[in-house]
Amino acid sequence: MPYSRGRRARDRGQVAIEYLGFLPILVVVGMAVVQLGLIAYTAQQAGTAARAGARSASLQESAQAACAAAVSSWLADGTDCPQSYGGDEVTVTATVEIPSIVPGWDFDPARKTATMPLDH
């Protein structure tokens, strides 16, 4: 029995050490999951901005103002919505910068396009 008691006392800290070794991997995986969610959310916001900008431009109003108003306030500064006219329609391409929570991970901006007929 003395052997088993001594062994249990030595093994007691082993779980804590293993957990500390696994913790960085767990944090990186968690941050990657949050980053993927942020990318999807930004892409959805770009689509909303493109539709709002095209709707506004079709009514001869500012596409940029409508785009910025359509996205979350923390994404509005990184939003650009140029418009182009062709025939009886207007096309707006919304470009929204994807924020990064992981240092060193940089992403191309999310781009979505919407076309609406001009209101005459």
PDB file of N, CA and C in Angstrom:
ATOM      1  N   MET A   1       0.789  -1.206   0.000  1.00  0.00           N
ATOM      2  CA  MET A   1       0.000   0.000   0.000  1.00  0.00           C
ATOM      3  C   MET A   1       0.835   1.276   0.000  1.00  0.00           C
ATOM      4  N   PRO A   2       1.980   1.334   0.663  1.00  0.00           N
ATOM      5  CA  PRO A   2       2.744   2.587   0.637  1.00  0.00           C
ATOM      6  C   PRO A   2       3.120   2.986  -0.777  1.00  0.00           C
ATOM      7  N   TYR A   3       3.328   1.989  -1.628  1.00  0.00           N
ATOM      8  CA  TYR A   3       3.695   2.297  -3.013  1.00  0.00           C
ATOM      9  C   TYR A   3       2.548   3.002  -3.730  1.00  0.00           C
ATOM     10  N   SER A   4       1.326   2.541  -3.557  1.00  0.00           N
ATOM     11  CA  SER A   4       0.188   3.142  -4.256  1.00  0.00           C
ATOM     12  C   SER A   4      -0.123   4.536  -3.719  1.00  0.00           C
ATOM     13  N   ARG A   5       0.052   4.762  -2.406  1.00  0.00           N
ATOM     14  CA  ARG A   5      -0.185   6.101  -1.875  1.00  0.00           C
ATOM     15  C   ARG A   5       0.838   7.098  -2.399  1.00  0.00           C
ATOM     16  N   GLY A   6       2.065   6.700  -2.473  1.00  0.00           N
ATOM     17  CA  GLY A   6       3.104   7.580  -2.989  1.00  0.00           C
ATOM     18  C   GLY A   6       2.910   7.871  -4.472  1.00  0.00           C
ATOM     19  N   ARG A   7       2.472   6.887  -5.182  1.00  0.00           N
ATOM     20  CA  ARG A   7       2.232   7.079  -6.618  1.00  0.00           C
ATOM     21  C   ARG A   7       1.082   8.048  -6.845  1.00  0.00           C
ATOM     22  N   ARG A   8      -0.011   7.922  -6.067  1.00  0.00           N
ATOM     23  CA  ARG A   8      -1.144   8.839  -6.212  1.00  0.00           C
ATOM     24  C   ARG A   8      -0.725  10.278  -5.896  1.00  0.00           C
ATOM     25  N   ALA A   9       0.112  10.460  -4.951  1.00  0.00           N
ATOM     26  CA  ALA A   9       0.562  11.804  -4.585  1.00  0.00           C
ATOM     27  C   ALA A   9       1.386  12.419  -5.716  1.00  0.00           C
ATOM     28  N   ARG A  10       2.188  11.596  -6.372  1.00  0.00           N
ATOM     29  CA  ARG A  10       2.989  12.115  -7.485  1.00  0.00           C
ATOM     30  C   ARG A  10       2.131  12.384  -8.715  1.00  0.00           C
ATOM     31  N   ASP A  11       1.086  11.594  -8.953  1.00  0.00           N
ATOM     32  CA  ASP A  11       0.220  11.751 -10.126  1.00  0.00           C
ATOM     33  C   ASP A  11      -0.760  12.906  -9.977  1.00  0.00           C
ATOM     34  N   ARG A  12      -0.920  13.403  -8.786  1.00  0.00           N
ATOM     35  CA  ARG A  12      -1.927  14.433  -8.546  1.00  0.00           C
ATOM     36  C   ARG A  12      -1.686  15.690  -9.401  1.00  0.00           C
ATOM     37  N   GLY A  13      -0.497  16.111  -9.610  1.00  0.00           N
ATOM     38  CA  GLY A  13      -0.198  17.300 -10.405  1.00  0.00           C
ATOM     39  C   GLY A  13      -0.111  17.041 -11.898  1.00  0.00           C
ATOM     40  N   GLN A  14      -0.119  15.787 -12.285  1.00  0.00           N
ATOM     41  CA  GLN A  14       0.030  15.447 -13.690  1.00  0.00           C
ATOM     42  C   GLN A  14      -1.145  15.942 -14.522  1.00  0.00           C
ATOM     43  N   VAL A  15      -2.345  15.844 -14.007  1.00  0.00           N
ATOM     44  CA  VAL A  15      -3.524  16.299 -14.747  1.00  0.00           C
ATOM     45  C   VAL A  15      -3.454  17.801 -14.973  1.00  0.00           C
ATOM     46  N   ALA A  16      -3.025  18.555 -13.988  1.00  0.00           N
ATOM     47  CA  ALA A  16      -2.904  20.005 -14.128  1.00  0.00           C
ATOM     48  C   ALA A  16      -1.869  20.370 -15.191  1.00  0.00           C
ATOM     49  N   ILE A  17      -0.767  19.661 -15.221  1.00  0.00           N
ATOM     50  CA  ILE A  17       0.272  19.920 -16.224  1.00  0.00           C
ATOM     51  C   ILE A  17      -0.243  19.580 -17.617  1.00  0.00           C
ATOM     52  N   GLU A  18      -0.939  18.468 -17.768  1.00  0.00           N
ATOM     53  CA  GLU A  18      -1.502  18.101 -19.068  1.00  0.00           C
ATOM     54  C   GLU A  18      -2.526  19.129 -19.524  1.00  0.00           C
ATOM     55  N   TYR A  19      -3.326  19.621 -18.594  1.00  0.00           N
ATOM     56  CA  TYR A  19      -4.335  20.633 -18.925  1.00  0.00           C
ATOM     57  C   TYR A  19      -3.661  21.923 -19.390  1.00  0.00           C
ATOM     58  N   LEU A  20      -2.592  22.331 -18.717  1.00  0.00           N
ATOM     59  CA  LEU A  20      -1.870  23.539 -19.122  1.00  0.00           C
ATOM     60  C   LEU A  20      -1.245  23.384 -20.500  1.00  0.00           C
ATOM     61  N   GLY A  21      -0.836  22.182 -20.854  1.00  0.00           N
ATOM     62  CA  GLY A  21      -0.279  21.945 -22.183  1.00  0.00           C
ATOM     63  C   GLY A  21      -1.343  21.974 -23.269  1.00  0.00           C
ATOM     64  N   PHE A  22      -2.560  21.567 -22.926  1.00  0.00           N
ATOM     65  CA  PHE A  22      -3.657  21.529 -23.890  1.00  0.00           C
ATOM     66  C   PHE A  22      -4.372  22.870 -24.008  1.00  0.00           C
ATOM     67  N   LEU A  23      -4.267  23.714 -23.005  1.00  0.00           N
ATOM     68  CA  LEU A  23      -4.982  24.993 -22.969  1.00  0.00           C
ATOM     69  C   LEU A  23      -4.678  25.907 -24.163  1.00  0.00           C
ATOM     70  N   PRO A  24      -3.434  26.084 -24.599  1.00  0.00           N
ATOM     71  CA  PRO A  24      -3.186  26.936 -25.770  1.00  0.00           C
ATOM     72  C   PRO A  24      -3.883  26.432 -27.030  1.00  0.00           C
ATOM     73  N   ILE A  25      -3.934  25.126 -27.210  1.00  0.00           N
ATOM     74  CA  ILE A  25      -4.621  24.563 -28.375  1.00  0.00           C
ATOM     75  C   ILE A  25      -6.112  24.879 -28.296  1.00  0.00           C
ATOM     76  N   LEU A  26      -6.668  24.745 -27.126  1.00  0.00           N
ATOM     77  CA  LEU A  26      -8.086  25.042 -26.917  1.00  0.00           C
ATOM     78  C   LEU A  26      -8.388  26.507 -27.193  1.00  0.00           C
ATOM     79  N   VAL A  27      -7.516  27.396 -26.768  1.00  0.00           N
ATOM     80  CA  VAL A  27      -7.712  28.832 -27.006  1.00  0.00           C
ATOM     81  C   VAL A  27      -7.634  29.149 -28.495  1.00  0.00           C
ATOM     82  N   VAL A  28      -6.678  28.580 -29.204  1.00  0.00           N
ATOM     83  CA  VAL A  28      -6.542  28.832 -30.647  1.00  0.00           C
ATOM     84  C   VAL A  28      -7.762  28.317 -31.402  1.00  0.00           C
ATOM     85  N   VAL A  29      -8.238  27.139 -31.063  1.00  0.00           N
ATOM     86  CA  VAL A  29      -9.429  26.590 -31.720  1.00  0.00           C
ATOM     87  C   VAL A  29     -10.640  27.472 -31.433  1.00  0.00           C
ATOM     88  N   GLY A  30     -10.777  27.925 -30.194  1.00  0.00           N
ATOM     89  CA  GLY A  30     -11.890  28.816 -29.846  1.00  0.00           C
ATOM     90  C   GLY A  30     -11.836  30.135 -30.611  1.00  0.00           C
ATOM     91  N   MET A  31     -10.652  30.711 -30.725  1.00  0.00           N
ATOM     92  CA  MET A  31     -10.511  31.968 -31.470  1.00  0.00           C
ATOM     93  C   MET A  31     -10.785  31.760 -32.956  1.00  0.00           C
ATOM     94  N   ALA A  32     -10.396  30.623 -33.505  1.00  0.00           N
ATOM     95  CA  ALA A  32     -10.663  30.328 -34.916  1.00  0.00           C
ATOM     96  C   ALA A  32     -12.165  30.200 -35.164  1.00  0.00           C
ATOM     97  N   VAL A  33     -12.882  29.580 -34.248  1.00  0.00           N
ATOM     98  CA  VAL A  33     -14.336  29.446 -34.383  1.00  0.00           C
ATOM     99  C   VAL A  33     -15.002  30.820 -34.337  1.00  0.00           C
ATOM    100  N   VAL A  34     -14.577  31.657 -33.406  1.00  0.00           N
ATOM    101  CA  VAL A  34     -15.139  33.018 -33.321  1.00  0.00           C
ATOM    102  C   VAL A  34     -14.806  33.803 -34.582  1.00  0.00           C
ATOM    103  N   GLN A  35     -13.590  33.660 -35.096  1.00  0.00           N
ATOM    104  CA  GLN A  35     -13.187  34.367 -36.319  1.00  0.00           C
ATOM    105  C   GLN A  35     -14.031  33.928 -37.513  1.00  0.00           C
ATOM    106  N   LEU A  36     -14.305  32.635 -37.638  1.00  0.00           N
ATOM    107  CA  LEU A  36     -15.156  32.150 -38.729  1.00  0.00           C
ATOM    108  C   LEU A  36     -16.562  32.728 -38.626  1.00  0.00           C
ATOM    109  N   GLY A  37     -17.081  32.819 -37.423  1.00  0.00           N
ATOM    110  CA  GLY A  37     -18.384  33.447 -37.224  1.00  0.00           C
ATOM    111  C   GLY A  37     -18.365  34.914 -37.615  1.00  0.00           C
ATOM    112  N   LEU A  38     -17.284  35.590 -37.306  1.00  0.00           N
ATOM    113  CA  LEU A  38     -17.139  37.006 -37.662  1.00  0.00           C
ATOM    114  C   LEU A  38     -17.052  37.189 -39.176  1.00  0.00           C
ATOM    115  N   ILE A  39     -16.386  36.276 -39.860  1.00  0.00           N
ATOM    116  CA  ILE A  39     -16.307  36.334 -41.319  1.00  0.00           C
ATOM    117  C   ILE A  39     -17.700  36.158 -41.928  1.00  0.00           C
ATOM    118  N   ALA A  40     -18.457  35.178 -41.431  1.00  0.00           N
ATOM    119  CA  ALA A  40     -19.810  34.947 -41.951  1.00  0.00           C
ATOM    120  C   ALA A  40     -20.712  36.142 -41.676  1.00  0.00           C
ATOM    121  N   TYR A  41     -20.607  36.717 -40.488  1.00  0.00           N
ATOM    122  CA  TYR A  41     -21.425  37.880 -40.146  1.00  0.00           C
ATOM    123  C   TYR A  41     -21.086  39.072 -41.041  1.00  0.00           C
ATOM    124  N   THR A  42     -19.809  39.296 -41.293  1.00  0.00           N
ATOM    125  CA  THR A  42     -19.390  40.401 -42.149  1.00  0.00           C
ATOM    126  C   THR A  42     -19.879  40.201 -43.581  1.00  0.00           C
ATOM    127  N   ALA A  43     -19.847  38.973 -44.084  1.00  0.00           N
ATOM    128  CA  ALA A  43     -20.358  38.691 -45.429  1.00  0.00           C
ATOM    129  C   ALA A  43     -21.856  38.968 -45.502  1.00  0.00           C
ATOM    130  N   GLN A  44     -22.583  38.601 -44.467  1.00  0.00           N
ATOM    131  CA  GLN A  44     -24.021  38.881 -44.425  1.00  0.00           C
ATOM    132  C   GLN A  44     -24.269  40.385 -44.402  1.00  0.00           C
ATOM    133  N   GLN A  45     -23.477  41.111 -43.637  1.00  0.00           N
ATOM    134  CA  GLN A  45     -23.613  42.565 -43.557  1.00  0.00           C
ATOM    135  C   GLN A  45     -23.290  43.218 -44.904  1.00  0.00           C
ATOM    136  N   ALA A  46     -22.316  42.676 -45.634  1.00  0.00           N
ATOM    137  CA  ALA A  46     -21.984  43.212 -46.958  1.00  0.00           C
ATOM    138  C   ALA A  46     -23.154  43.041 -47.919  1.00  0.00           C
ATOM    139  N   GLY A  47     -23.839  41.911 -47.861  1.00  0.00           N
ATOM    140  CA  GLY A  47     -25.012  41.697 -48.700  1.00  0.00           C
ATOM    141  C   GLY A  47     -26.134  42.671 -48.374  1.00  0.00           C
ATOM    142  N   THR A  48     -26.352  42.903 -47.082  1.00  0.00           N
ATOM    143  CA  THR A  48     -27.371  43.865 -46.658  1.00  0.00           C
ATOM    144  C   THR A  48     -27.006  45.264 -47.127  1.00  0.00           C
ATOM    145  N   ALA A  49     -25.737  45.625 -47.008  1.00  0.00           N
ATOM    146  CA  ALA A  49     -25.283  46.957 -47.430  1.00  0.00           C
ATOM    147  C   ALA A  49     -25.441  47.133 -48.935  1.00  0.00           C
ATOM    148  N   ALA A  50     -25.116  46.107 -49.713  1.00  0.00           N
ATOM    149  CA  ALA A  50     -25.237  46.201 -51.174  1.00  0.00           C
ATOM    150  C   ALA A  50     -26.695  46.407 -51.583  1.00  0.00           C
ATOM    151  N   ARG A  51     -27.606  45.654 -50.967  1.00  0.00           N
ATOM    152  CA  ARG A  51     -29.028  45.808 -51.300  1.00  0.00           C
ATOM    153  C   ARG A  51     -29.548  47.181 -50.896  1.00  0.00           C
ATOM    154  N   ALA A  52     -29.170  47.653 -49.709  1.00  0.00           N
ATOM    155  CA  ALA A  52     -29.622  48.978 -49.258  1.00  0.00           C
ATOM    156  C   ALA A  52     -29.042  50.075 -50.138  1.00  0.00           C
ATOM    157  N   GLY A  53     -27.782  49.941 -50.511  1.00  0.00           N
ATOM    158  CA  GLY A  53     -27.155  50.940 -51.380  1.00  0.00           C
ATOM    159  C   GLY A  53     -27.781  50.964 -52.761  1.00  0.00           C
ATOM    160  N   ALA A  54     -28.070  49.790 -53.323  1.00  0.00           N
ATOM    161  CA  ALA A  54     -28.695  49.729 -54.650  1.00  0.00           C
ATOM    162  C   ALA A  54     -30.112  50.299 -54.609  1.00  0.00           C
ATOM    163  N   ARG A  55     -30.836  50.003 -53.555  1.00  0.00           N
ATOM    164  CA  ARG A  55     -32.193  50.546 -53.411  1.00  0.00           C
ATOM    165  C   ARG A  55     -32.153  52.072 -53.341  1.00  0.00           C
ATOM    166  N   SER A  56     -31.213  52.586 -52.564  1.00  0.00           N
ATOM    167  CA  SER A  56     -31.081  54.039 -52.419  1.00  0.00           C
ATOM    168  C   SER A  56     -30.635  54.692 -53.722  1.00  0.00           C
ATOM    169  N   ALA A  57     -29.664  54.081 -54.394  1.00  0.00           N
ATOM    170  CA  ALA A  57     -29.168  54.641 -55.654  1.00  0.00           C
ATOM    171  C   ALA A  57     -30.245  54.601 -56.736  1.00  0.00           C
ATOM    172  N   SER A  58     -31.109  53.596 -56.695  1.00  0.00           N
ATOM    173  CA  SER A  58     -32.181  53.522 -57.691  1.00  0.00           C
ATOM    174  C   SER A  58     -33.186  54.654 -57.514  1.00  0.00           C
ATOM    175  N   LEU A  59     -33.232  55.216 -56.322  1.00  0.00           N
ATOM    176  CA  LEU A  59     -34.112  56.359 -56.041  1.00  0.00           C
ATOM    177  C   LEU A  59     -33.371  57.684 -56.145  1.00  0.00           C
ATOM    178  N   GLN A  60     -32.156  57.645 -56.740  1.00  0.00           N
ATOM    179  CA  GLN A  60     -31.318  58.832 -56.933  1.00  0.00           C
ATOM    180  C   GLN A  60     -30.871  59.445 -55.599  1.00  0.00           C
ATOM    181  N   GLU A  61     -30.620  58.593 -54.600  1.00  0.00           N
ATOM    182  CA  GLU A  61     -30.104  59.039 -53.301  1.00  0.00           C
ATOM    183  C   GLU A  61     -28.701  58.466 -53.122  1.00  0.00           C
ATOM    184  N   SER A  62     -28.057  58.803 -52.008  1.00  0.00           N
ATOM    185  CA  SER A  62     -26.676  58.381 -51.756  1.00  0.00           C
ATOM    186  C   SER A  62     -26.585  56.890 -51.414  1.00  0.00           C
ATOM    187  N   ALA A  63     -25.867  56.158 -52.243  1.00  0.00           N
ATOM    188  CA  ALA A  63     -25.654  54.733 -51.979  1.00  0.00           C
ATOM    189  C   ALA A  63     -24.710  54.544 -50.796  1.00  0.00           C
ATOM    190  N   GLN A  64     -23.693  55.382 -50.682  1.00  0.00           N
ATOM    191  CA  GLN A  64     -22.710  55.243 -49.603  1.00  0.00           C
ATOM    192  C   GLN A  64     -23.365  55.437 -48.233  1.00  0.00           C
ATOM    193  N   ALA A  65     -24.211  56.449 -48.115  1.00  0.00           N
ATOM    194  CA  ALA A  65     -24.882  56.705 -46.834  1.00  0.00           C
ATOM    195  C   ALA A  65     -25.794  55.542 -46.467  1.00  0.00           C
ATOM    196  N   ALA A  66     -26.514  55.010 -47.446  1.00  0.00           N
ATOM    197  CA  ALA A  66     -27.408  53.881 -47.180  1.00  0.00           C
ATOM    198  C   ALA A  66     -26.624  52.635 -46.793  1.00  0.00           C
ATOM    199  N   CYS A  67     -25.493  52.414 -47.452  1.00  0.00           N
ATOM    200  CA  CYS A  67     -24.647  51.254 -47.119  1.00  0.00           C
ATOM    201  C   CYS A  67     -24.132  51.353 -45.687  1.00  0.00           C
ATOM    202  N   ALA A  68     -23.610  52.500 -45.343  1.00  0.00           N
ATOM    203  CA  ALA A  68     -23.053  52.679 -43.996  1.00  0.00           C
ATOM    204  C   ALA A  68     -24.137  52.545 -42.926  1.00  0.00           C
ATOM    205  N   ALA A  69     -25.347  53.000 -43.236  1.00  0.00           N
ATOM    206  CA  ALA A  69     -26.440  52.907 -42.275  1.00  0.00           C
ATOM    207  C   ALA A  69     -26.953  51.470 -42.144  1.00  0.00           C
ATOM    208  N   ALA A  70     -26.748  50.655 -43.172  1.00  0.00           N
ATOM    209  CA  ALA A  70     -27.283  49.292 -43.175  1.00  0.00           C
ATOM    210  C   ALA A  70     -26.414  48.295 -42.410  1.00  0.00           C
ATOM    211  N   VAL A  71     -25.151  48.630 -42.165  1.00  0.00           N
ATOM    212  CA  VAL A  71     -24.266  47.703 -41.453  1.00  0.00           C
ATOM    213  C   VAL A  71     -24.155  48.093 -39.992  1.00  0.00           C
ATOM    214  N   SER A  72     -23.659  47.183 -39.185  1.00  0.00           N
ATOM    215  CA  SER A  72     -23.430  47.475 -37.773  1.00  0.00           C
ATOM    216  C   SER A  72     -22.467  48.642 -37.637  1.00  0.00           C
ATOM    217  N   SER A  73     -22.640  49.436 -36.609  1.00  0.00           N
ATOM    218  CA  SER A  73     -21.840  50.650 -36.448  1.00  0.00           C
ATOM    219  C   SER A  73     -20.340  50.361 -36.383  1.00  0.00           C
ATOM    220  N   TRP A  74     -19.926  49.232 -35.834  1.00  0.00           N
ATOM    221  CA  TRP A  74     -18.503  48.928 -35.721  1.00  0.00           C
ATOM    222  C   TRP A  74     -17.912  48.435 -37.038  1.00  0.00           C
ATOM    223  N   LEU A  75     -18.748  48.194 -38.049  1.00  0.00           N
ATOM    224  CA  LEU A  75     -18.261  47.834 -39.381  1.00  0.00           C
ATOM    225  C   LEU A  75     -18.395  48.984 -40.373  1.00  0.00           C
ATOM    226  N   ALA A  76     -19.121  50.035 -40.014  1.00  0.00           N
ATOM    227  CA  ALA A  76     -19.442  51.115 -40.957  1.00  0.00           C
ATOM    228  C   ALA A  76     -18.197  51.846 -41.458  1.00  0.00           C
ATOM    229  N   ASP A  77     -17.185  52.019 -40.609  1.00  0.00           N
ATOM    230  CA  ASP A  77     -15.980  52.748 -41.037  1.00  0.00           C
ATOM    231  C   ASP A  77     -15.223  52.004 -42.138  1.00  0.00           C
ATOM    232  N   GLY A  78     -15.304  50.693 -42.170  1.00  0.00           N
ATOM    233  CA  GLY A  78     -14.598  49.915 -43.175  1.00  0.00           C
ATOM    234  C   GLY A  78     -15.482  49.515 -44.348  1.00  0.00           C
ATOM    235  N   THR A  79     -16.549  50.285 -44.587  1.00  0.00           N
ATOM    236  CA  THR A  79     -17.501  49.954 -45.658  1.00  0.00           C
ATOM    237  C   THR A  79     -17.385  50.945 -46.805  1.00  0.00           C
ATOM    238  N   ASP A  80     -17.319  50.415 -48.020  1.00  0.00           N
ATOM    239  CA  ASP A  80     -17.264  51.244 -49.223  1.00  0.00           C
ATOM    240  C   ASP A  80     -18.283  50.686 -50.211  1.00  0.00           C
ATOM    241  N   CYS A  81     -19.055  51.591 -50.845  1.00  0.00           N
ATOM    242  CA  CYS A  81     -20.129  51.160 -51.757  1.00  0.00           C
ATOM    243  C   CYS A  81     -20.139  51.992 -53.037  1.00  0.00           C
ATOM    244  N   PRO A  82     -19.245  51.728 -53.965  1.00  0.00           N
ATOM    245  CA  PRO A  82     -19.319  52.446 -55.240  1.00  0.00           C
ATOM    246  C   PRO A  82     -20.522  51.955 -56.058  1.00  0.00           C
ATOM    247  N   GLN A  83     -21.041  52.848 -56.864  1.00  0.00           N
ATOM    248  CA  GLN A  83     -22.199  52.509 -57.697  1.00  0.00           C
ATOM    249  C   GLN A  83     -21.857  52.709 -59.162  1.00  0.00           C
ATOM    250  N   SER A  84     -22.515  51.952 -60.017  1.00  0.00           N
ATOM    251  CA  SER A  84     -22.328  52.122 -61.453  1.00  0.00           C
ATOM    252  C   SER A  84     -23.697  51.978 -62.122  1.00  0.00           C
ATOM    253  N   TYR A  85     -23.908  52.835 -63.110  1.00  0.00           N
ATOM    254  CA  TYR A  85     -25.189  52.844 -63.828  1.00  0.00           C
ATOM    255  C   TYR A  85     -25.004  52.205 -65.186  1.00  0.00           C
ATOM    256  N   GLY A  86     -25.987  51.431 -65.591  1.00  0.00           N
ATOM    257  CA  GLY A  86     -25.961  50.810 -66.908  1.00  0.00           C
ATOM    258  C   GLY A  86     -27.376  50.633 -67.415  1.00  0.00           C
ATOM    259  N   GLY A  87     -27.735  51.381 -68.427  1.00  0.00           N
ATOM    260  CA  GLY A  87     -29.086  51.293 -68.966  1.00  0.00           C
ATOM    261  C   GLY A  87     -30.119  51.758 -67.960  1.00  0.00           C
ATOM    262  N   ASP A  88     -31.053  50.891 -67.631  1.00  0.00           N
ATOM    263  CA  ASP A  88     -32.129  51.226 -66.698  1.00  0.00           C
ATOM    264  C   ASP A  88     -31.905  50.657 -65.305  1.00  0.00           C
ATOM    265  N   GLU A  89     -30.658  50.365 -64.967  1.00  0.00           N
ATOM    266  CA  GLU A  89     -30.407  49.796 -63.650  1.00  0.00           C
ATOM    267  C   GLU A  89     -29.124  50.353 -63.036  1.00  0.00           C
ATOM    268  N   VAL A  90     -29.021  50.178 -61.729  1.00  0.00           N
ATOM    269  CA  VAL A  90     -27.835  50.610 -60.986  1.00  0.00           C
ATOM    270  C   VAL A  90     -27.292  49.401 -60.232  1.00  0.00           C
ATOM    271  N   THR A  91     -25.978  49.296 -60.205  1.00  0.00           N
ATOM    272  CA  THR A  91     -25.311  48.207 -59.495  1.00  0.00           C
ATOM    273  C   THR A  91     -24.430  48.804 -58.406  1.00  0.00           C
ATOM    274  N   VAL A  92     -24.548  48.272 -57.219  1.00  0.00           N
ATOM    275  CA  VAL A  92     -23.732  48.709 -56.080  1.00  0.00           C
ATOM    276  C   VAL A  92     -22.965  47.498 -55.566  1.00  0.00           C
ATOM    277  N   THR A  93     -21.664  47.682 -55.391  1.00  0.00           N
ATOM    278  CA  THR A  93     -20.814  46.641 -54.819  1.00  0.00           C
ATOM    279  C   THR A  93     -20.360  47.108 -53.445  1.00  0.00           C
ATOM    280  N   ALA A  94     -20.816  46.414 -52.418  1.00  0.00           N
ATOM    281  CA  ALA A  94     -20.437  46.754 -51.043  1.00  0.00           C
ATOM    282  C   ALA A  94     -19.177  45.981 -50.671  1.00  0.00           C
ATOM    283  N   THR A  95     -18.207  46.697 -50.154  1.00  0.00           N
ATOM    284  CA  THR A  95     -16.962  46.103 -49.676  1.00  0.00           C
ATOM    285  C   THR A  95     -16.850  46.426 -48.192  1.00  0.00           C
ATOM    286  N   VAL A  96     -16.822  45.384 -47.364  1.00  0.00           N
ATOM    287  CA  VAL A  96     -16.759  45.562 -45.910  1.00  0.00           C
ATOM    288  C   VAL A  96     -15.506  44.870 -45.404  1.00  0.00           C
ATOM    289  N   GLU A  97     -14.679  45.606 -44.673  1.00  0.00           N
ATOM    290  CA  GLU A  97     -13.454  45.045 -44.103  1.00  0.00           C
ATOM    291  C   GLU A  97     -13.801  44.024 -43.022  1.00  0.00           C
ATOM    292  N   ILE A  98     -13.139  42.877 -43.057  1.00  0.00           N
ATOM    293  CA  ILE A  98     -13.359  41.835 -42.057  1.00  0.00           C
ATOM    294  C   ILE A  98     -12.388  42.060 -40.906  1.00  0.00           C
ATOM    295  N   PRO A  99     -12.897  42.349 -39.713  1.00  0.00           N
ATOM    296  CA  PRO A  99     -11.999  42.527 -38.568  1.00  0.00           C
ATOM    297  C   PRO A  99     -11.372  41.191 -38.163  1.00  0.00           C
ATOM    298  N   SER A 100     -10.163  41.250 -37.655  1.00  0.00           N
ATOM    299  CA  SER A 100      -9.465  40.041 -37.229  1.00  0.00           C
ATOM    300  C   SER A 100      -9.244  40.082 -35.721  1.00  0.00           C
ATOM    301  N   ILE A 101      -9.610  38.990 -35.055  1.00  0.00           N
ATOM    302  CA  ILE A 101      -9.360  38.906 -33.614  1.00  0.00           C
ATOM    303  C   ILE A 101      -8.094  38.105 -33.326  1.00  0.00           C
ATOM    304  N   VAL A 102      -7.569  37.448 -34.354  1.00  0.00           N
ATOM    305  CA  VAL A 102      -6.363  36.641 -34.195  1.00  0.00           C
ATOM    306  C   VAL A 102      -5.192  37.424 -34.780  1.00  0.00           C
ATOM    307  N   PRO A 103      -4.197  37.760 -33.968  1.00  0.00           N
ATOM    308  CA  PRO A 103      -3.054  38.508 -34.485  1.00  0.00           C
ATOM    309  C   PRO A 103      -2.362  37.758 -35.617  1.00  0.00           C
ATOM    310  N   GLY A 104      -2.085  38.484 -36.690  1.00  0.00           N
ATOM    311  CA  GLY A 104      -1.393  37.889 -37.824  1.00  0.00           C
ATOM    312  C   GLY A 104      -2.306  37.302 -38.883  1.00  0.00           C
ATOM    313  N   TRP A 105      -3.583  37.163 -38.584  1.00  0.00           N
ATOM    314  CA  TRP A 105      -4.526  36.664 -39.577  1.00  0.00           C
ATOM    315  C   TRP A 105      -5.185  37.857 -40.252  1.00  0.00           C
ATOM    316  N   ASP A 106      -4.888  38.059 -41.515  1.00  0.00           N
ATOM    317  CA  ASP A 106      -5.501  39.141 -42.279  1.00  0.00           C
ATOM    318  C   ASP A 106      -6.372  38.523 -43.362  1.00  0.00           C
ATOM    319  N   PHE A 107      -7.508  39.157 -43.612  1.00  0.00           N
ATOM    320  CA  PHE A 107      -8.467  38.625 -44.562  1.00  0.00           C
ATOM    321  C   PHE A 107      -8.791  39.668 -45.613  1.00  0.00           C
ATOM    322  N   ASP A 108      -9.106  39.188 -46.823  1.00  0.00           N
ATOM    323  CA  ASP A 108      -9.616  40.091 -47.850  1.00  0.00           C
ATOM    324  C   ASP A 108     -10.990  40.565 -47.402  1.00  0.00           C
ATOM    325  N   PRO A 109     -11.401  41.753 -47.841  1.00  0.00           N
ATOM    326  CA  PRO A 109     -12.726  42.236 -47.425  1.00  0.00           C
ATOM    327  C   PRO A 109     -13.851  41.404 -48.056  1.00  0.00           C
ATOM    328  N   ALA A 110     -15.003  41.446 -47.419  1.00  0.00           N
ATOM    329  CA  ALA A 110     -16.191  40.785 -47.967  1.00  0.00           C
ATOM    330  C   ALA A 110     -16.792  41.702 -49.027  1.00  0.00           C
ATOM    331  N   ARG A 111     -17.114  41.131 -50.196  1.00  0.00           N
ATOM    332  CA  ARG A 111     -17.694  41.915 -51.297  1.00  0.00           C
ATOM    333  C   ARG A 111     -18.997  41.266 -51.744  1.00  0.00           C
ATOM    334  N   LYS A 112     -20.034  42.065 -51.823  1.00  0.00           N
ATOM    335  CA  LYS A 112     -21.329  41.610 -52.325  1.00  0.00           C
ATOM    336  C   LYS A 112     -21.862  42.666 -53.279  1.00  0.00           C
ATOM    337  N   THR A 113     -22.573  42.225 -54.310  1.00  0.00           N
ATOM    338  CA  THR A 113     -23.104  43.122 -55.327  1.00  0.00           C
ATOM    339  C   THR A 113     -24.622  42.963 -55.399  1.00  0.00           C
ATOM    340  N   ALA A 114     -25.296  44.093 -55.617  1.00  0.00           N
ATOM    341  CA  ALA A 114     -26.747  44.095 -55.815  1.00  0.00           C
ATOM    342  C   ALA A 114     -27.094  45.035 -56.959  1.00  0.00           C
ATOM    343  N   THR A 115     -28.072  44.650 -57.748  1.00  0.00           N
ATOM    344  CA  THR A 115     -28.533  45.455 -58.876  1.00  0.00           C
ATOM    345  C   THR A 115     -30.025  45.720 -58.723  1.00  0.00           C
ATOM    346  N   MET A 116     -30.408  46.976 -58.955  1.00  0.00           N
ATOM    347  CA  MET A 116     -31.820  47.371 -58.874  1.00  0.00           C
ATOM    348  C   MET A 116     -32.183  48.191 -60.101  1.00  0.00           C
ATOM    349  N   PRO A 117     -33.441  48.112 -60.537  1.00  0.00           N
ATOM    350  CA  PRO A 117     -33.878  48.970 -61.656  1.00  0.00           C
ATOM    351  C   PRO A 117     -34.001  50.409 -61.190  1.00  0.00           C
ATOM    352  N   LEU A 118     -33.709  51.331 -62.084  1.00  0.00           N
ATOM    353  CA  LEU A 118     -33.841  52.749 -61.750  1.00  0.00           C
ATOM    354  C   LEU A 118     -35.313  53.131 -61.671  1.00  0.00           C
ATOM    355  N   ASP A 119     -35.638  53.952 -60.707  1.00  0.00           N
ATOM    356  CA  ASP A 119     -37.004  54.452 -60.549  1.00  0.00           C
ATOM    357  C   ASP A 119     -37.139  55.709 -61.407  1.00  0.00           C
ATOM    358  N   HIS A 120     -38.010  55.664 -62.375  1.00  0.00           N
ATOM    359  CA  HIS A 120     -38.174  56.814 -63.291  1.00  0.00           C
ATOM    360  C   HIS A 120     -39.331  57.683 -62.882  1.00  0.00           C
TER     361      HIS A 120
END
